[in-house]
């Protein structure tokens, strides 16, 4: 019986890991734990330019993942954005490089992410602080590829 329960637990852990590592999901892990967000993808110049403009509200554990073709310096602004956002800037390996909290709706001030940014996750303003997300945490998504700190499909011992 114990072996069946253990096997079931490992199977559920694998299913959870696979569900968390899907094209429409981003998982962030840190000392505080783990959180998974359902995301829309912005991976073309037009989609990245539009972003979350004119969105009036967003469910709590959702966001938008901006994917760039190569690591680069990126900067965002809040033109035509109606809700406060946290911006989470990540390296090609999935390491969170910077978190900008509570970007002000409509503000045209540039918000630099720094150099070497491959992806940016935008979530509801204040949520990163409530969850404990900080620089050094790890983001997981299939777009990070096999050289990521926590690549998708990686087997865990949990």
N, C-alpha and C. Protein backbone atom coordinates (compact mmCIF):
# COMPACT_ATOMS: atom_id res chain seq x y z
N UNK A 1 0.83 -1.20 0.00
CA UNK A 1 0.00 0.00 0.00
C UNK A 1 0.87 1.26 0.00
N UNK A 2 1.92 1.27 0.83
CA UNK A 2 2.82 2.44 0.89
C UNK A 2 3.45 2.70 -0.47
N UNK A 3 3.83 1.63 -1.20
CA UNK A 3 4.44 1.78 -2.53
C UNK A 3 3.45 2.39 -3.51
N UNK A 4 2.18 2.01 -3.40
CA UNK A 4 1.15 2.56 -4.29
C UNK A 4 0.96 4.04 -4.01
N UNK A 5 0.91 4.41 -2.74
CA UNK A 5 0.75 5.81 -2.36
C UNK A 5 1.96 6.61 -2.83
N UNK A 6 3.17 6.09 -2.65
CA UNK A 6 4.38 6.77 -3.09
C UNK A 6 4.38 6.93 -4.60
N UNK A 7 4.03 5.88 -5.33
CA UNK A 7 3.99 5.94 -6.79
C UNK A 7 2.95 6.95 -7.26
N UNK A 8 1.79 6.97 -6.61
CA UNK A 8 0.75 7.93 -6.95
C UNK A 8 1.24 9.35 -6.69
N UNK A 9 1.92 9.55 -5.58
CA UNK A 9 2.46 10.88 -5.25
C UNK A 9 3.48 11.34 -6.28
N UNK A 10 4.38 10.45 -6.70
CA UNK A 10 5.37 10.80 -7.72
C UNK A 10 4.69 11.09 -9.05
N UNK A 11 3.68 10.33 -9.39
CA UNK A 11 2.94 10.55 -10.63
C UNK A 11 2.23 11.91 -10.60
N UNK A 12 1.61 12.24 -9.49
CA UNK A 12 0.94 13.53 -9.36
C UNK A 12 1.94 14.66 -9.41
N UNK A 13 3.13 14.49 -8.80
CA UNK A 13 4.17 15.51 -8.86
C UNK A 13 4.62 15.72 -10.29
N UNK A 14 4.78 14.64 -11.04
CA UNK A 14 5.18 14.75 -12.44
C UNK A 14 4.10 15.44 -13.26
N UNK A 15 2.82 15.10 -12.99
CA UNK A 15 1.72 15.76 -13.71
C UNK A 15 1.67 17.23 -13.37
N UNK A 16 1.90 17.58 -12.10
CA UNK A 16 1.92 18.98 -11.69
C UNK A 16 3.04 19.72 -12.38
N UNK A 17 4.23 19.11 -12.42
CA UNK A 17 5.37 19.74 -13.08
C UNK A 17 5.09 19.95 -14.56
N UNK A 18 4.49 18.94 -15.23
CA UNK A 18 4.20 19.06 -16.65
C UNK A 18 3.11 20.10 -16.89
N UNK A 19 2.10 20.16 -16.02
CA UNK A 19 1.03 21.15 -16.17
C UNK A 19 1.58 22.55 -15.98
N UNK A 20 2.52 22.69 -15.04
CA UNK A 20 3.12 23.99 -14.78
C UNK A 20 4.03 24.41 -15.93
N UNK A 21 4.53 23.47 -16.70
CA UNK A 21 5.46 23.75 -17.78
C UNK A 21 4.75 23.58 -19.12
N UNK A 22 3.85 24.49 -19.39
CA UNK A 22 3.08 24.49 -20.63
C UNK A 22 3.22 25.86 -21.28
N UNK A 23 2.91 25.93 -22.57
CA UNK A 23 3.06 27.18 -23.30
C UNK A 23 2.27 28.34 -22.68
N UNK A 24 1.17 28.03 -22.01
CA UNK A 24 0.35 29.09 -21.42
C UNK A 24 0.56 29.23 -19.91
N UNK A 25 1.70 28.73 -19.40
CA UNK A 25 1.99 28.79 -17.97
C UNK A 25 3.43 29.24 -17.73
N UNK A 26 3.62 30.05 -16.71
CA UNK A 26 4.94 30.42 -16.21
C UNK A 26 4.96 30.06 -14.74
N UNK A 27 6.02 29.37 -14.33
CA UNK A 27 6.20 29.04 -12.91
C UNK A 27 7.42 29.77 -12.40
N UNK A 28 7.28 30.38 -11.24
CA UNK A 28 8.40 31.06 -10.58
C UNK A 28 8.64 30.36 -9.26
N UNK A 29 9.92 30.07 -8.98
CA UNK A 29 10.31 29.39 -7.75
C UNK A 29 11.37 30.21 -7.02
N UNK A 30 11.28 30.18 -5.71
CA UNK A 30 12.26 30.86 -4.87
C UNK A 30 12.23 30.29 -3.46
N UNK A 31 12.98 30.91 -2.56
CA UNK A 31 13.00 30.47 -1.16
C UNK A 31 11.61 30.50 -0.54
N UNK A 32 10.73 31.32 -1.04
CA UNK A 32 9.38 31.52 -0.52
C UNK A 32 8.43 30.43 -0.98
N UNK A 33 8.79 29.67 -2.02
CA UNK A 33 7.91 28.63 -2.55
C UNK A 33 7.82 28.72 -4.05
N UNK A 34 6.63 28.46 -4.59
CA UNK A 34 6.44 28.41 -6.03
C UNK A 34 5.07 28.96 -6.39
N UNK A 35 4.99 29.65 -7.53
CA UNK A 35 3.71 30.18 -8.01
C UNK A 35 3.64 29.95 -9.52
N UNK A 36 2.47 29.58 -10.00
CA UNK A 36 2.26 29.37 -11.43
C UNK A 36 1.21 30.35 -11.93
N UNK A 37 1.53 30.99 -13.05
CA UNK A 37 0.66 31.98 -13.67
C UNK A 37 0.20 31.48 -15.04
N UNK A 38 -1.06 31.69 -15.35
CA UNK A 38 -1.57 31.46 -16.69
C UNK A 38 -1.26 32.72 -17.49
N UNK A 39 -0.64 32.56 -18.67
CA UNK A 39 -0.17 33.74 -19.39
C UNK A 39 -0.63 33.75 -20.84
N UNK A 40 -0.75 34.97 -21.35
CA UNK A 40 -0.84 35.20 -22.78
C UNK A 40 0.59 35.49 -23.23
N UNK A 41 0.92 35.10 -24.45
CA UNK A 41 2.26 35.27 -24.97
C UNK A 41 2.32 36.46 -25.92
N UNK A 42 3.35 37.28 -25.77
CA UNK A 42 3.64 38.37 -26.70
C UNK A 42 5.04 38.11 -27.24
N UNK A 43 5.12 37.52 -28.45
CA UNK A 43 6.42 37.15 -28.99
C UNK A 43 6.70 37.73 -30.37
N UNK A 44 5.86 38.65 -30.81
CA UNK A 44 6.12 39.37 -32.05
C UNK A 44 6.23 40.85 -31.70
N UNK A 45 6.89 41.65 -32.55
CA UNK A 45 6.96 43.09 -32.25
C UNK A 45 5.59 43.73 -32.04
N UNK A 46 4.61 43.36 -32.84
CA UNK A 46 3.26 43.95 -32.70
C UNK A 46 2.63 43.56 -31.36
N UNK A 47 2.74 42.28 -31.00
CA UNK A 47 2.16 41.83 -29.72
C UNK A 47 2.88 42.47 -28.53
N UNK A 48 4.20 42.58 -28.61
CA UNK A 48 4.95 43.20 -27.51
C UNK A 48 4.61 44.69 -27.40
N UNK A 49 4.39 45.34 -28.54
CA UNK A 49 4.04 46.75 -28.53
C UNK A 49 2.66 46.98 -27.90
N UNK A 50 1.71 46.10 -28.18
CA UNK A 50 0.36 46.20 -27.63
C UNK A 50 0.34 45.85 -26.14
N UNK A 51 1.03 44.76 -25.78
CA UNK A 51 1.09 44.35 -24.38
C UNK A 51 -0.27 44.28 -23.71
N UNK A 52 -0.36 44.86 -22.53
CA UNK A 52 -1.61 44.86 -21.77
C UNK A 52 -2.33 46.20 -21.84
N UNK A 53 -2.07 46.95 -22.92
CA UNK A 53 -2.78 48.22 -23.10
C UNK A 53 -4.29 47.99 -23.12
N UNK A 54 -5.01 48.88 -22.49
CA UNK A 54 -6.47 48.91 -22.49
C UNK A 54 -7.14 47.76 -21.73
N UNK A 55 -6.36 46.93 -21.05
CA UNK A 55 -6.93 45.86 -20.22
C UNK A 55 -7.42 46.52 -18.92
N UNK A 56 -8.70 46.32 -18.61
CA UNK A 56 -9.30 46.98 -17.45
C UNK A 56 -9.12 46.21 -16.15
N UNK A 57 -9.00 44.91 -16.23
CA UNK A 57 -8.73 44.10 -15.05
C UNK A 57 -8.15 42.76 -15.51
N UNK A 58 -7.44 42.12 -14.58
CA UNK A 58 -6.78 40.86 -14.91
C UNK A 58 -6.93 39.93 -13.70
N UNK A 59 -7.36 38.69 -13.92
CA UNK A 59 -7.45 37.75 -12.80
C UNK A 59 -6.11 37.62 -12.08
N UNK A 60 -6.17 37.28 -10.81
CA UNK A 60 -5.01 37.32 -9.92
C UNK A 60 -3.78 36.57 -10.43
N UNK A 61 -3.88 35.33 -10.77
CA UNK A 61 -2.70 34.52 -11.13
C UNK A 61 -2.55 34.39 -12.65
N UNK A 62 -2.75 35.52 -13.34
CA UNK A 62 -2.57 35.56 -14.78
C UNK A 62 -1.60 36.68 -15.13
N UNK A 63 -1.17 36.71 -16.37
CA UNK A 63 -0.26 37.76 -16.80
C UNK A 63 0.03 37.65 -18.27
N UNK A 64 1.07 38.37 -18.68
CA UNK A 64 1.53 38.33 -20.07
C UNK A 64 3.03 38.11 -20.05
N UNK A 65 3.48 37.16 -20.88
CA UNK A 65 4.89 36.86 -21.02
C UNK A 65 5.39 37.42 -22.34
N UNK A 66 6.34 38.34 -22.24
CA UNK A 66 6.98 38.96 -23.40
C UNK A 66 8.24 38.15 -23.70
N UNK A 67 8.33 37.61 -24.90
CA UNK A 67 9.46 36.77 -25.28
C UNK A 67 10.24 37.46 -26.40
N UNK A 68 11.54 37.61 -26.20
CA UNK A 68 12.42 38.22 -27.20
C UNK A 68 13.26 37.15 -27.87
N UNK A 69 13.65 37.41 -29.10
CA UNK A 69 14.41 36.45 -29.89
C UNK A 69 15.80 36.19 -29.31
N UNK A 70 16.37 37.21 -28.65
CA UNK A 70 17.71 37.09 -28.09
C UNK A 70 17.79 37.97 -26.83
N UNK A 71 18.75 37.71 -25.96
CA UNK A 71 18.93 38.56 -24.79
C UNK A 71 19.27 39.99 -25.22
N UNK A 72 18.69 40.95 -24.53
CA UNK A 72 18.92 42.36 -24.89
C UNK A 72 18.51 43.27 -23.75
N UNK A 73 18.85 44.55 -23.90
CA UNK A 73 18.36 45.57 -22.97
C UNK A 73 16.92 45.89 -23.37
N UNK A 74 16.02 45.87 -22.42
CA UNK A 74 14.62 46.20 -22.70
C UNK A 74 14.16 47.28 -21.74
N UNK A 75 13.18 48.03 -22.19
CA UNK A 75 12.58 49.07 -21.37
C UNK A 75 11.09 49.10 -21.68
N UNK A 76 10.29 49.25 -20.66
CA UNK A 76 8.84 49.28 -20.80
C UNK A 76 8.31 50.63 -20.34
N UNK A 77 7.07 50.92 -20.71
CA UNK A 77 6.34 52.06 -20.18
C UNK A 77 4.89 51.65 -20.03
N UNK A 78 4.10 52.53 -19.48
CA UNK A 78 2.72 52.17 -19.15
C UNK A 78 1.69 52.93 -19.99
N UNK A 79 2.11 53.39 -21.17
CA UNK A 79 1.19 54.12 -22.05
C UNK A 79 -0.07 53.28 -22.30
N UNK A 80 -1.22 53.89 -22.12
CA UNK A 80 -2.53 53.26 -22.36
C UNK A 80 -2.76 52.01 -21.51
N UNK A 81 -2.00 51.84 -20.45
CA UNK A 81 -2.19 50.70 -19.55
C UNK A 81 -3.04 51.20 -18.39
N UNK A 82 -4.11 50.48 -18.10
CA UNK A 82 -5.11 50.96 -17.16
C UNK A 82 -4.97 50.39 -15.75
N UNK A 83 -4.15 49.36 -15.58
CA UNK A 83 -3.99 48.72 -14.26
C UNK A 83 -2.53 48.74 -13.85
N UNK A 84 -2.25 48.82 -12.55
CA UNK A 84 -0.85 48.75 -12.10
C UNK A 84 -0.29 47.35 -12.36
N UNK A 85 0.98 47.31 -12.74
CA UNK A 85 1.61 46.04 -13.06
C UNK A 85 2.95 45.88 -12.37
N UNK A 86 3.31 44.64 -12.08
CA UNK A 86 4.67 44.29 -11.70
C UNK A 86 5.31 43.72 -12.95
N UNK A 87 6.57 44.10 -13.19
CA UNK A 87 7.32 43.60 -14.34
C UNK A 87 8.49 42.78 -13.82
N UNK A 88 8.57 41.55 -14.29
CA UNK A 88 9.60 40.61 -13.82
C UNK A 88 10.49 40.28 -15.02
N UNK A 89 11.74 40.74 -14.97
CA UNK A 89 12.69 40.62 -16.07
C UNK A 89 13.57 39.39 -15.85
N UNK A 90 13.69 38.52 -16.87
CA UNK A 90 14.43 37.27 -16.71
C UNK A 90 15.50 37.09 -17.79
N UNK A 91 16.58 36.43 -17.40
CA UNK A 91 17.69 36.10 -18.30
C UNK A 91 17.33 34.91 -19.18
N UNK A 92 18.17 34.58 -20.18
CA UNK A 92 17.90 33.41 -21.03
C UNK A 92 17.87 32.10 -20.24
N UNK A 93 18.51 32.06 -19.08
CA UNK A 93 18.53 30.86 -18.25
C UNK A 93 17.32 30.78 -17.32
N UNK A 94 16.52 31.85 -17.27
CA UNK A 94 15.34 31.87 -16.41
C UNK A 94 15.58 32.55 -15.06
N UNK A 95 16.78 33.05 -14.83
CA UNK A 95 17.03 33.76 -13.57
C UNK A 95 16.35 35.12 -13.61
N UNK A 96 15.64 35.45 -12.54
CA UNK A 96 15.01 36.76 -12.47
C UNK A 96 16.10 37.79 -12.15
N UNK A 97 16.23 38.76 -13.06
CA UNK A 97 17.26 39.77 -12.94
C UNK A 97 16.79 40.99 -12.17
N UNK A 98 15.50 41.32 -12.32
CA UNK A 98 14.96 42.53 -11.71
C UNK A 98 13.45 42.41 -11.61
N UNK A 99 12.90 42.98 -10.56
CA UNK A 99 11.45 43.08 -10.40
C UNK A 99 11.12 44.56 -10.21
N UNK A 100 10.26 45.07 -11.07
CA UNK A 100 9.76 46.43 -10.91
C UNK A 100 8.32 46.31 -10.42
N UNK A 101 8.07 46.84 -9.23
CA UNK A 101 6.74 46.69 -8.62
C UNK A 101 5.86 47.91 -8.87
N UNK A 102 4.58 47.63 -9.05
CA UNK A 102 3.54 48.65 -9.11
C UNK A 102 3.81 49.77 -10.11
N UNK A 103 4.07 49.41 -11.36
CA UNK A 103 4.20 50.42 -12.40
C UNK A 103 2.87 51.18 -12.48
N UNK A 104 2.97 52.48 -12.62
CA UNK A 104 1.81 53.37 -12.53
C UNK A 104 1.06 53.42 -13.87
N UNK A 105 -0.24 53.12 -13.85
CA UNK A 105 -1.03 53.17 -15.08
C UNK A 105 -0.88 54.52 -15.80
N UNK A 106 -0.66 54.44 -17.12
CA UNK A 106 -0.57 55.63 -17.94
C UNK A 106 0.76 56.36 -17.90
N UNK A 107 1.66 55.99 -17.02
CA UNK A 107 2.95 56.68 -16.86
C UNK A 107 3.85 56.41 -18.07
N UNK A 108 4.41 57.45 -18.63
CA UNK A 108 5.28 57.32 -19.80
C UNK A 108 6.76 57.23 -19.44
N UNK A 109 7.08 57.21 -18.15
CA UNK A 109 8.46 57.10 -17.71
C UNK A 109 9.00 55.71 -18.08
N UNK A 110 10.15 55.64 -18.75
CA UNK A 110 10.71 54.33 -19.10
C UNK A 110 11.05 53.51 -17.84
N UNK A 111 10.79 52.22 -17.93
CA UNK A 111 11.11 51.27 -16.86
C UNK A 111 12.13 50.29 -17.43
N UNK A 112 13.42 50.54 -17.15
CA UNK A 112 14.45 49.67 -17.72
C UNK A 112 14.53 48.33 -17.00
N UNK A 113 14.73 47.29 -17.81
CA UNK A 113 14.88 45.95 -17.24
C UNK A 113 16.34 45.55 -17.08
N UNK A 114 17.23 46.33 -17.70
CA UNK A 114 18.64 46.00 -17.67
C UNK A 114 19.05 45.25 -18.91
N UNK A 115 20.32 44.84 -18.95
CA UNK A 115 20.87 44.12 -20.09
C UNK A 115 20.62 42.63 -19.94
N UNK A 116 20.67 41.91 -21.05
CA UNK A 116 20.60 40.46 -21.03
C UNK A 116 19.22 39.89 -20.72
N UNK A 117 18.17 40.66 -20.97
CA UNK A 117 16.81 40.21 -20.69
C UNK A 117 16.27 39.43 -21.90
N UNK A 118 15.74 38.24 -21.66
CA UNK A 118 15.14 37.44 -22.73
C UNK A 118 13.61 37.41 -22.62
N UNK A 119 13.11 37.48 -21.38
CA UNK A 119 11.66 37.43 -21.17
C UNK A 119 11.27 38.39 -20.06
N UNK A 120 10.03 38.88 -20.17
CA UNK A 120 9.46 39.75 -19.14
C UNK A 120 8.06 39.25 -18.86
N UNK A 121 7.78 39.04 -17.58
CA UNK A 121 6.44 38.64 -17.15
C UNK A 121 5.78 39.83 -16.48
N UNK A 122 4.60 40.20 -16.98
CA UNK A 122 3.81 41.25 -16.33
C UNK A 122 2.65 40.58 -15.59
N UNK A 123 2.53 40.95 -14.31
CA UNK A 123 1.45 40.44 -13.46
C UNK A 123 0.82 41.63 -12.74
N UNK A 124 -0.26 41.38 -12.03
CA UNK A 124 -0.94 42.45 -11.30
C UNK A 124 0.02 43.13 -10.32
N UNK A 125 -0.10 44.46 -10.25
CA UNK A 125 0.74 45.26 -9.37
C UNK A 125 0.63 44.84 -7.92
N UNK A 126 1.78 44.69 -7.28
CA UNK A 126 1.84 44.32 -5.86
C UNK A 126 1.89 42.83 -5.61
N UNK A 127 1.59 42.02 -6.62
CA UNK A 127 1.54 40.57 -6.43
C UNK A 127 2.93 39.97 -6.19
N UNK A 128 3.95 40.50 -6.85
CA UNK A 128 5.29 39.94 -6.64
C UNK A 128 5.74 40.12 -5.19
N UNK A 129 5.44 41.25 -4.59
CA UNK A 129 5.80 41.47 -3.18
C UNK A 129 4.98 40.55 -2.27
N UNK A 130 3.69 40.39 -2.54
CA UNK A 130 2.85 39.52 -1.72
C UNK A 130 3.33 38.07 -1.77
N UNK A 131 3.81 37.65 -2.94
CA UNK A 131 4.29 36.27 -3.08
C UNK A 131 5.74 36.11 -2.61
N UNK A 132 6.51 37.20 -2.63
CA UNK A 132 7.91 37.14 -2.24
C UNK A 132 8.87 37.00 -3.41
N UNK A 133 8.41 37.27 -4.63
CA UNK A 133 9.25 37.14 -5.83
C UNK A 133 10.31 38.24 -5.83
N UNK A 134 11.59 37.83 -5.98
CA UNK A 134 12.70 38.78 -6.00
C UNK A 134 13.74 38.37 -7.04
N UNK A 135 14.68 39.27 -7.30
CA UNK A 135 15.81 38.95 -8.17
C UNK A 135 16.52 37.72 -7.61
N UNK A 136 16.94 36.84 -8.50
CA UNK A 136 17.59 35.59 -8.10
C UNK A 136 16.66 34.40 -8.11
N UNK A 137 15.35 34.63 -8.06
CA UNK A 137 14.39 33.54 -8.19
C UNK A 137 14.46 33.01 -9.62
N UNK A 138 13.78 31.90 -9.88
CA UNK A 138 13.87 31.24 -11.18
C UNK A 138 12.50 31.14 -11.84
N UNK A 139 12.47 31.52 -13.13
CA UNK A 139 11.26 31.44 -13.94
C UNK A 139 11.38 30.22 -14.85
N UNK A 140 10.26 29.52 -15.03
CA UNK A 140 10.24 28.33 -15.88
C UNK A 140 9.14 28.46 -16.93
N UNK A 141 9.52 28.22 -18.18
CA UNK A 141 8.59 28.23 -19.31
C UNK A 141 9.28 27.48 -20.45
N UNK A 142 8.53 26.79 -21.32
CA UNK A 142 9.17 26.05 -22.41
C UNK A 142 10.08 26.89 -23.30
N UNK A 143 9.86 28.18 -23.41
CA UNK A 143 10.67 29.03 -24.27
C UNK A 143 12.10 29.22 -23.78
N UNK A 144 12.38 28.88 -22.53
CA UNK A 144 13.75 29.04 -22.02
C UNK A 144 14.70 27.99 -22.60
N UNK A 145 14.19 26.86 -23.01
CA UNK A 145 15.04 25.87 -23.66
C UNK A 145 15.85 25.01 -22.69
N UNK A 146 16.68 24.11 -23.25
CA UNK A 146 17.38 23.11 -22.44
C UNK A 146 18.49 23.66 -21.54
N UNK A 147 18.99 24.87 -21.82
CA UNK A 147 20.06 25.43 -21.00
C UNK A 147 19.54 26.25 -19.82
N UNK A 148 18.24 26.21 -19.60
CA UNK A 148 17.63 26.96 -18.50
C UNK A 148 18.05 26.37 -17.15
N UNK A 149 17.99 27.19 -16.13
CA UNK A 149 18.28 26.74 -14.76
C UNK A 149 17.32 25.61 -14.39
N UNK A 150 16.05 25.76 -14.80
CA UNK A 150 15.04 24.76 -14.52
C UNK A 150 14.28 24.47 -15.82
N UNK A 151 14.90 23.67 -16.72
CA UNK A 151 14.26 23.43 -18.01
C UNK A 151 12.97 22.63 -17.90
N UNK A 152 12.07 22.87 -18.81
CA UNK A 152 10.82 22.11 -18.85
C UNK A 152 11.12 20.66 -19.18
N UNK A 153 10.33 19.79 -18.58
CA UNK A 153 10.53 18.36 -18.80
C UNK A 153 11.58 17.77 -17.88
N UNK A 154 12.24 18.64 -17.09
CA UNK A 154 13.25 18.14 -16.15
C UNK A 154 12.57 17.34 -15.06
N UNK A 155 13.09 16.17 -14.79
CA UNK A 155 12.53 15.33 -13.74
C UNK A 155 13.00 15.85 -12.39
N UNK A 156 12.07 15.87 -11.44
CA UNK A 156 12.41 16.31 -10.08
C UNK A 156 12.24 15.15 -9.13
N UNK A 157 12.84 15.28 -7.96
CA UNK A 157 12.74 14.24 -6.92
C UNK A 157 11.63 14.54 -5.93
N UNK A 158 10.77 15.52 -6.22
CA UNK A 158 9.75 15.88 -5.24
C UNK A 158 8.62 14.89 -5.16
